Amino acid sequence: MYGDHHVTEVRRLLLELPGVQEVYASSSFHVVEVQFDETKLESQTIEQTLSDAGYLGELLMPIEMGALAERENGEKPFFRHTAAFENTGHTVSFGQKVPYAGRPLWPCPGFGPLAPDVDRS
């Protein structure tokens, strides 16, 4: 959780579960505390709910490698392309291709990949 919108979404997800009595979530401390009735809900259900929404597990973030833009076998490692143009002065721009990991890099409610078959006109 990296912002209040994450806290709001985590609270919404957990408070919808039967047996959840209270949820404390903090984007500042990246922690969630849940009080729940163990006769109505198992802790594994809470963990699975958060995991399904992308709030548990490692946050996969690409890092720039100290490698050539293309390896001998033709494989392209993560590489950021840098461009500086005379007419932009001291401005430098970066472009990179980030592989799709099944969800946005940061799990943000309401943000996700667009379906390729959706008509956007």
C-alpha atoms as a PDB file:
ATOM      1  CA  MET A   1       0.000   0.000   0.000  1.00  0.00           C
ATOM      2  CA  TYR A   2       1.479   3.282  -1.088  1.00  0.00           C
ATOM      3  CA  GLY A   3      -1.377   5.749  -0.654  1.00  0.00           C
ATOM      4  CA  ASP A   4      -4.724   6.390   0.977  1.00  0.00           C
ATOM      5  CA  HIS A   5      -6.558   4.965  -2.035  1.00  0.00           C
ATOM      6  CA  HIS A   6      -4.860   1.628  -1.273  1.00  0.00           C
ATOM      7  CA  VAL A   7      -5.947   1.846   2.375  1.00  0.00           C
ATOM      8  CA  THR A   8      -9.518   2.519   1.273  1.00  0.00           C
ATOM      9  CA  GLU A   9      -9.505  -0.441  -1.118  1.00  0.00           C
ATOM     10  CA  VAL A  10      -7.955  -2.861   1.410  1.00  0.00           C
ATOM     11  CA  ARG A  11     -10.514  -1.812   4.022  1.00  0.00           C
ATOM     12  CA  ARG A  12     -13.355  -2.252   1.526  1.00  0.00           C
ATOM     13  CA  LEU A  13     -12.155  -5.707   0.471  1.00  0.00           C
ATOM     14  CA  LEU A  14     -11.748  -6.954   4.022  1.00  0.00           C
ATOM     15  CA  LEU A  15     -14.859  -5.384   5.531  1.00  0.00           C
ATOM     16  CA  GLU A  16     -16.947  -7.200   2.884  1.00  0.00           C
ATOM     17  CA  LEU A  17     -15.814 -10.561   4.293  1.00  0.00           C
ATOM     18  CA  PRO A  18     -18.212 -12.176   6.777  1.00  0.00           C
ATOM     19  CA  GLY A  19     -16.825 -12.061  10.314  1.00  0.00           C
ATOM     20  CA  VAL A  20     -14.480  -9.088   9.866  1.00  0.00           C
ATOM     21  CA  GLN A  21     -15.096  -6.682  12.729  1.00  0.00           C
ATOM     22  CA  GLU A  22     -12.395  -4.048  12.349  1.00  0.00           C
ATOM     23  CA  VAL A  23      -9.568  -3.232   9.917  1.00  0.00           C
ATOM     24  CA  TYR A  24      -6.582  -0.984  10.539  1.00  0.00           C
ATOM     25  CA  ALA A  25      -4.569  -0.314   7.389  1.00  0.00           C
ATOM     26  CA  SER A  26      -1.653   2.079   7.031  1.00  0.00           C
ATOM     27  CA  SER A  27       0.003   3.127   3.792  1.00  0.00           C
ATOM     28  CA  SER A  28       2.674   4.857   5.841  1.00  0.00           C
ATOM     29  CA  PHE A  29       3.744   1.698   7.659  1.00  0.00           C
ATOM     30  CA  HIS A  30       2.580  -0.808   4.974  1.00  0.00           C
ATOM     31  CA  VAL A  31       0.660  -2.809   7.563  1.00  0.00           C
ATOM     32  CA  VAL A  32      -2.840  -4.250   7.934  1.00  0.00           C
ATOM     33  CA  GLU A  33      -4.359  -5.433  11.214  1.00  0.00           C
ATOM     34  CA  VAL A  34      -7.664  -7.285  11.119  1.00  0.00           C
ATOM     35  CA  GLN A  35      -9.981  -8.224  13.973  1.00  0.00           C
ATOM     36  CA  PHE A  36     -12.330 -11.005  12.918  1.00  0.00           C
ATOM     37  CA  ASP A  37     -14.541 -13.757  14.274  1.00  0.00           C
ATOM     38  CA  GLU A  38     -12.620 -17.009  13.825  1.00  0.00           C
ATOM     39  CA  THR A  39     -15.861 -18.989  13.857  1.00  0.00           C
ATOM     40  CA  LYS A  40     -17.026 -17.198  10.691  1.00  0.00           C
ATOM     41  CA  LEU A  41     -13.769 -16.628   8.812  1.00  0.00           C
ATOM     42  CA  GLU A  42     -10.356 -18.246   8.434  1.00  0.00           C
ATOM     43  CA  SER A  43      -7.163 -16.189   8.253  1.00  0.00           C
ATOM     44  CA  GLN A  44      -6.298 -17.923   4.964  1.00  0.00           C
ATOM     45  CA  THR A  45      -9.379 -16.310   3.386  1.00  0.00           C
ATOM     46  CA  ILE A  46      -8.129 -12.881   4.431  1.00  0.00           C
ATOM     47  CA  GLU A  47      -4.677 -13.603   3.021  1.00  0.00           C
ATOM     48  CA  GLN A  48      -6.142 -14.950  -0.227  1.00  0.00           C
ATOM     49  CA  THR A  49      -8.386 -11.888  -0.633  1.00  0.00           C
ATOM     50  CA  LEU A  50      -5.412  -9.540  -0.251  1.00  0.00           C
ATOM     51  CA  SER A  51      -3.252 -11.710  -2.503  1.00  0.00           C
ATOM     52  CA  ASP A  52      -5.885 -11.838  -5.256  1.00  0.00           C
ATOM     53  CA  ALA A  53      -6.055  -8.037  -5.194  1.00  0.00           C
ATOM     54  CA  GLY A  54      -2.252  -7.793  -5.502  1.00  0.00           C
ATOM     55  CA  TYR A  55      -1.526  -6.518  -1.997  1.00  0.00           C
ATOM     56  CA  LEU A  56       0.630  -9.440  -0.811  1.00  0.00           C
ATOM     57  CA  GLY A  57       3.841 -10.895  -2.123  1.00  0.00           C
ATOM     58  CA  GLU A  58       6.803  -9.295  -3.719  1.00  0.00           C
ATOM     59  CA  LEU A  59       6.303  -6.093  -5.655  1.00  0.00           C
ATOM     60  CA  LEU A  60       8.043  -6.867  -8.923  1.00  0.00           C
ATOM     61  CA  MET A  61       9.961  -3.847 -10.063  1.00  0.00           C
ATOM     62  CA  PRO A  62      12.302  -3.942 -13.013  1.00  0.00           C
ATOM     63  CA  ILE A  63      15.804  -2.710 -12.389  1.00  0.00           C
ATOM     64  CA  GLU A  64      18.230  -1.429 -14.925  1.00  0.00           C
ATOM     65  CA  MET A  65      20.972  -3.932 -15.642  1.00  0.00           C
ATOM     66  CA  GLY A  66      24.552  -3.040 -16.294  1.00  0.00           C
ATOM     67  CA  ALA A  67      24.386  -5.013 -19.522  1.00  0.00           C
ATOM     68  CA  LEU A  68      24.523  -4.386 -23.221  1.00  0.00           C
ATOM     69  CA  ALA A  69      21.297  -3.445 -24.973  1.00  0.00           C
ATOM     70  CA  GLU A  70      21.359  -6.827 -26.703  1.00  0.00           C
ATOM     71  CA  ARG A  71      23.074 -10.008 -25.628  1.00  0.00           C
ATOM     72  CA  GLU A  72      24.995 -12.308 -27.957  1.00  0.00           C
ATOM     73  CA  ASN A  73      22.045 -14.683 -28.272  1.00  0.00           C
ATOM     74  CA  GLY A  74      19.765 -11.812 -29.357  1.00  0.00           C
ATOM     75  CA  GLU A  75      17.952 -11.644 -26.020  1.00  0.00           C
ATOM     76  CA  LYS A  76      17.174  -8.118 -24.896  1.00  0.00           C
ATOM     77  CA  PRO A  77      17.575  -7.586 -21.142  1.00  0.00           C
ATOM     78  CA  PHE A  78      15.836  -4.768 -19.310  1.00  0.00           C
ATOM     79  CA  PHE A  79      17.374  -1.642 -20.729  1.00  0.00           C
ATOM     80  CA  ARG A  80      16.414   2.007 -20.523  1.00  0.00           C
ATOM     81  CA  HIS A  81      16.979   4.068 -23.623  1.00  0.00           C
ATOM     82  CA  THR A  82      18.204   7.587 -22.981  1.00  0.00           C
ATOM     83  CA  ALA A  83      17.904  10.481 -25.398  1.00  0.00           C
ATOM     84  CA  ALA A  84      19.130  14.052 -25.126  1.00  0.00           C
ATOM     85  CA  PHE A  85      18.398  16.587 -27.831  1.00  0.00           C
ATOM     86  CA  GLU A  86      20.136  19.899 -28.389  1.00  0.00           C
ATOM     87  CA  ASN A  87      16.864  21.852 -28.620  1.00  0.00           C
ATOM     88  CA  THR A  88      15.658  20.615 -25.208  1.00  0.00           C
ATOM     89  CA  GLY A  89      18.622  22.005 -23.293  1.00  0.00           C
ATOM     90  CA  HIS A  90      19.329  20.036 -20.159  1.00  0.00           C
ATOM     91  CA  THR A  91      16.231  17.840 -20.448  1.00  0.00           C
ATOM     92  CA  VAL A  92      16.807  14.118 -20.743  1.00  0.00           C
ATOM     93  CA  SER A  93      14.005  11.699 -21.536  1.00  0.00           C
ATOM     94  CA  PHE A  94      13.801   7.997 -20.842  1.00  0.00           C
ATOM     95  CA  GLY A  95      11.813   5.253 -22.471  1.00  0.00           C
ATOM     96  CA  GLN A  96      11.605   1.632 -21.517  1.00  0.00           C
ATOM     97  CA  LYS A  97       9.559  -1.478 -22.204  1.00  0.00           C
ATOM     98  CA  VAL A  98       8.277  -3.085 -19.033  1.00  0.00           C
ATOM     99  CA  PRO A  99       6.976  -6.626 -19.462  1.00  0.00           C
ATOM    100  CA  TYR A 100       3.394  -7.233 -18.433  1.00  0.00           C
ATOM    101  CA  ALA A 101       3.283  -9.227 -15.162  1.00  0.00           C
ATOM    102  CA  GLY A 102      -0.466  -9.871 -15.083  1.00  0.00           C
ATOM    103  CA  ARG A 103      -1.294  -6.695 -13.159  1.00  0.00           C
ATOM    104  CA  PRO A 104      -0.026  -3.138 -12.814  1.00  0.00           C
ATOM    105  CA  LEU A 105       3.351  -2.789 -11.098  1.00  0.00           C
ATOM    106  CA  TRP A 106       1.631  -1.098  -8.180  1.00  0.00           C
ATOM    107  CA  PRO A 107      -1.728  -2.600  -7.289  1.00  0.00           C
ATOM    108  CA  CYS A 108      -4.018   0.402  -7.606  1.00  0.00           C
ATOM    109  CA  PRO A 109      -7.776  -0.063  -7.437  1.00  0.00           C
ATOM    110  CA  GLY A 110      -9.435   0.745 -10.724  1.00  0.00           C
ATOM    111  CA  PHE A 111      -6.195   0.642 -12.697  1.00  0.00           C
ATOM    112  CA  GLY A 112      -5.498  -2.320 -14.878  1.00  0.00           C
ATOM    113  CA  PRO A 113      -4.590  -3.296 -18.395  1.00  0.00           C
ATOM    114  CA  LEU A 114      -7.012  -2.472 -21.165  1.00  0.00           C
ATOM    115  CA  ALA A 115      -8.490  -5.467 -22.897  1.00  0.00           C
ATOM    116  CA  PRO A 116      -7.193  -5.631 -26.483  1.00  0.00           C
ATOM    117  CA  ASP A 117     -10.657  -6.329 -27.921  1.00  0.00           C
ATOM    118  CA  VAL A 118     -12.310  -3.224 -26.399  1.00  0.00           C
ATOM    119  CA  ASP A 119     -13.464  -0.565 -28.863  1.00  0.00           C
ATOM    120  CA  ARG A 120     -12.086   2.750 -27.551  1.00  0.00           C
ATOM    121  CA  SER A 121     -13.590   5.018 -30.215  1.00  0.00           C
END
